[in-house]
Amino acid sequence: MNHNIPVKTEIINPNRSSFGRGGHDPFGSQSRFITYNILVKKEDIHRANEVIHHR
């Protein structure tokens, strides 16, 4: 965002998925692993990778 690349974020929290509805949570019921996906438009992927990898 600091480099004027529009982004959206997606948060995947295993504690709110199907684990609580009879599914199997491999990390136990107190799992605290959260995944953040940073989404950019196809035309911005190259610029976003440069920013992430400081090139």
C-alpha atoms as a PDB file:
ATOM      1  CA  MET A   1       0.000   0.000   0.000  1.00  0.00           C
ATOM      2  CA  ASN A   2       2.916   2.354   0.687  1.00  0.00           C
ATOM      3  CA  HIS A   3       3.962   1.961  -2.971  1.00  0.00           C
ATOM      4  CA  ASN A   4       0.533   2.852  -4.409  1.00  0.00           C
ATOM      5  CA  ILE A   5      -0.321  -0.708  -5.347  1.00  0.00           C
ATOM      6  CA  PRO A   6      -3.983  -1.402  -4.581  1.00  0.00           C
ATOM      7  CA  VAL A   7      -4.371  -4.510  -2.415  1.00  0.00           C
ATOM      8  CA  LYS A   8      -7.024  -6.485  -0.632  1.00  0.00           C
ATOM      9  CA  THR A   9      -6.335  -8.817   2.256  1.00  0.00           C
ATOM     10  CA  GLU A  10      -7.964 -12.121   3.012  1.00  0.00           C
ATOM     11  CA  ILE A  11      -7.689 -13.645   6.476  1.00  0.00           C
ATOM     12  CA  ILE A  12      -7.958 -17.407   6.868  1.00  0.00           C
ATOM     13  CA  ASN A  13      -8.563 -18.401  10.477  1.00  0.00           C
ATOM     14  CA  PRO A  14      -8.710 -22.189  10.989  1.00  0.00           C
ATOM     15  CA  ASN A  15     -10.636 -21.705  14.242  1.00  0.00           C
ATOM     16  CA  ARG A  16     -13.592 -20.359  12.251  1.00  0.00           C
ATOM     17  CA  SER A  17     -13.582 -22.952   9.487  1.00  0.00           C
ATOM     18  CA  SER A  18     -15.111 -26.422   9.399  1.00  0.00           C
ATOM     19  CA  PHE A  19     -12.844 -27.604  12.254  1.00  0.00           C
ATOM     20  CA  GLY A  20     -15.489 -26.579  14.766  1.00  0.00           C
ATOM     21  CA  ARG A  21     -18.199 -28.546  12.973  1.00  0.00           C
ATOM     22  CA  GLY A  22     -16.945 -32.076  13.242  1.00  0.00           C
ATOM     23  CA  GLY A  23     -13.818 -31.525  11.165  1.00  0.00           C
ATOM     24  CA  HIS A  24     -10.316 -32.437  12.325  1.00  0.00           C
ATOM     25  CA  ASP A  25      -8.018 -29.641  13.492  1.00  0.00           C
ATOM     26  CA  PRO A  26      -4.450 -31.031  13.214  1.00  0.00           C
ATOM     27  CA  PHE A  27      -3.131 -28.359  15.618  1.00  0.00           C
ATOM     28  CA  GLY A  28      -5.640 -28.940  18.416  1.00  0.00           C
ATOM     29  CA  SER A  29      -8.675 -26.933  19.354  1.00  0.00           C
ATOM     30  CA  GLN A  30      -6.613 -23.943  20.531  1.00  0.00           C
ATOM     31  CA  SER A  31      -4.813 -23.452  17.210  1.00  0.00           C
ATOM     32  CA  ARG A  32      -3.644 -19.863  16.713  1.00  0.00           C
ATOM     33  CA  PHE A  33      -2.346 -20.116  13.153  1.00  0.00           C
ATOM     34  CA  ILE A  34      -3.823 -17.445  10.910  1.00  0.00           C
ATOM     35  CA  THR A  35      -2.954 -16.981   7.245  1.00  0.00           C
ATOM     36  CA  TYR A  36      -3.051 -13.585   5.563  1.00  0.00           C
ATOM     37  CA  ASN A  37      -3.334 -13.528   1.777  1.00  0.00           C
ATOM     38  CA  ILE A  38      -2.431 -10.261   0.068  1.00  0.00           C
ATOM     39  CA  LEU A  39      -4.336  -9.956  -3.187  1.00  0.00           C
ATOM     40  CA  VAL A  40      -3.278  -7.698  -6.064  1.00  0.00           C
ATOM     41  CA  LYS A  41      -4.552  -7.265  -9.602  1.00  0.00           C
ATOM     42  CA  LYS A  42      -2.806  -9.269 -12.327  1.00  0.00           C
ATOM     43  CA  GLU A  43      -1.311  -6.130 -13.849  1.00  0.00           C
ATOM     44  CA  ASP A  44       0.302  -5.244 -10.482  1.00  0.00           C
ATOM     45  CA  ILE A  45       1.871  -8.636  -9.666  1.00  0.00           C
ATOM     46  CA  HIS A  46       5.303  -7.751 -11.060  1.00  0.00           C
ATOM     47  CA  ARG A  47       5.470  -4.442  -9.145  1.00  0.00           C
ATOM     48  CA  ALA A  48       4.203  -6.106  -5.950  1.00  0.00           C
ATOM     49  CA  ASN A  49       6.902  -8.802  -6.171  1.00  0.00           C
ATOM     50  CA  GLU A  50       9.574  -6.143  -6.653  1.00  0.00           C
ATOM     51  CA  VAL A  51       8.376  -4.306  -3.557  1.00  0.00           C
ATOM     52  CA  ILE A  52       8.193  -7.483  -1.469  1.00  0.00           C
ATOM     53  CA  HIS A  53      11.675  -8.618  -2.505  1.00  0.00           C
ATOM     54  CA  HIS A  54      13.218  -5.080  -2.479  1.00  0.00           C
ATOM     55  CA  ARG A  55      14.344  -5.164  -6.110  1.00  0.00           C
END
